[in-house]
Amino acid sequence: MATNSNFMVKVTDAKLPDIQKALQQAGVNVRSIIEVFKEEGRAEAAEKSEEVK
């Protein structure tokens, strides 16, 4: 009998399709991937606030 599990993965500079491919290549059957939160890096946020000035 298969067991369904939920995991949260935190990544840096990766896109959803890349994560899905990596998991499938590792033999993990991916049922769904949901992006819960996206946070900009501190350097990127500082650059954007300077552009607004």
C-alpha atoms as a PDB file:
ATOM      1  CA  MET A   1       0.000   0.000   0.000  1.00  0.00           C
ATOM      2  CA  ALA A   2       1.373   3.442  -0.961  1.00  0.00           C
ATOM      3  CA  THR A   3       1.802   6.094   1.704  1.00  0.00           C
ATOM      4  CA  ASN A   4       1.023   9.724   0.873  1.00  0.00           C
ATOM      5  CA  SER A   5       3.396  12.233   2.481  1.00  0.00           C
ATOM      6  CA  ASN A   6       3.601  16.025   2.448  1.00  0.00           C
ATOM      7  CA  PHE A   7       6.943  17.827   2.599  1.00  0.00           C
ATOM      8  CA  MET A   8       7.947  21.473   2.502  1.00  0.00           C
ATOM      9  CA  VAL A   9      11.137  22.236   0.580  1.00  0.00           C
ATOM     10  CA  LYS A  10      12.917  25.592   0.765  1.00  0.00           C
ATOM     11  CA  VAL A  11      15.119  26.418  -2.223  1.00  0.00           C
ATOM     12  CA  THR A  12      17.231  29.293  -3.496  1.00  0.00           C
ATOM     13  CA  ASP A  13      17.179  30.318  -7.161  1.00  0.00           C
ATOM     14  CA  ALA A  14      15.148  27.352  -8.403  1.00  0.00           C
ATOM     15  CA  LYS A  15      11.990  27.199 -10.458  1.00  0.00           C
ATOM     16  CA  LEU A  16       9.091  24.838  -9.845  1.00  0.00           C
ATOM     17  CA  PRO A  17       9.699  22.722 -12.994  1.00  0.00           C
ATOM     18  CA  ASP A  18      13.346  22.231 -11.956  1.00  0.00           C
ATOM     19  CA  ILE A  19      12.280  20.917  -8.553  1.00  0.00           C
ATOM     20  CA  GLN A  20       9.714  18.597 -10.109  1.00  0.00           C
ATOM     21  CA  LYS A  21      12.255  17.191 -12.600  1.00  0.00           C
ATOM     22  CA  ALA A  22      14.865  16.624  -9.882  1.00  0.00           C
ATOM     23  CA  LEU A  23      12.402  14.768  -7.676  1.00  0.00           C
ATOM     24  CA  GLN A  24      11.145  12.613 -10.554  1.00  0.00           C
ATOM     25  CA  GLN A  25      14.723  11.785 -11.609  1.00  0.00           C
ATOM     26  CA  ALA A  26      15.350  10.655  -8.018  1.00  0.00           C
ATOM     27  CA  GLY A  27      12.417   8.263  -8.324  1.00  0.00           C
ATOM     28  CA  VAL A  28       9.954  10.327  -6.291  1.00  0.00           C
ATOM     29  CA  ASN A  29       6.370  10.228  -7.584  1.00  0.00           C
ATOM     30  CA  VAL A  30       5.292  13.903  -7.434  1.00  0.00           C
ATOM     31  CA  ARG A  31       1.531  14.329  -6.987  1.00  0.00           C
ATOM     32  CA  SER A  32       1.550  18.127  -6.786  1.00  0.00           C
ATOM     33  CA  ILE A  33       3.766  21.100  -6.003  1.00  0.00           C
ATOM     34  CA  ILE A  34       2.367  24.301  -4.548  1.00  0.00           C
ATOM     35  CA  GLU A  35       4.350  27.513  -4.140  1.00  0.00           C
ATOM     36  CA  VAL A  36       3.439  28.774  -0.685  1.00  0.00           C
ATOM     37  CA  PHE A  37       5.684  31.801  -0.237  1.00  0.00           C
ATOM     38  CA  LYS A  38       8.231  33.704  -2.297  1.00  0.00           C
ATOM     39  CA  GLU A  39      10.740  35.990  -0.628  1.00  0.00           C
ATOM     40  CA  GLU A  40      13.197  38.299  -2.373  1.00  0.00           C
ATOM     41  CA  GLY A  41      16.813  38.256  -1.251  1.00  0.00           C
ATOM     42  CA  ARG A  42      18.055  41.240   0.750  1.00  0.00           C
ATOM     43  CA  ALA A  43      20.305  42.500  -2.072  1.00  0.00           C
ATOM     44  CA  GLU A  44      17.449  42.371  -4.596  1.00  0.00           C
ATOM     45  CA  ALA A  45      15.061  44.168  -2.233  1.00  0.00           C
ATOM     46  CA  ALA A  46      17.632  46.919  -1.579  1.00  0.00           C
ATOM     47  CA  GLU A  47      18.222  47.433  -5.316  1.00  0.00           C
ATOM     48  CA  LYS A  48      14.493  47.727  -5.990  1.00  0.00           C
ATOM     49  CA  SER A  49      13.977  50.282  -3.196  1.00  0.00           C
ATOM     50  CA  GLU A  50      16.832  52.399  -4.614  1.00  0.00           C
ATOM     51  CA  GLU A  51      15.240  52.328  -8.075  1.00  0.00           C
ATOM     52  CA  VAL A  52      12.013  53.774  -6.662  1.00  0.00           C
ATOM     53  CA  LYS A  53      13.756  56.862  -5.213  1.00  0.00           C
END
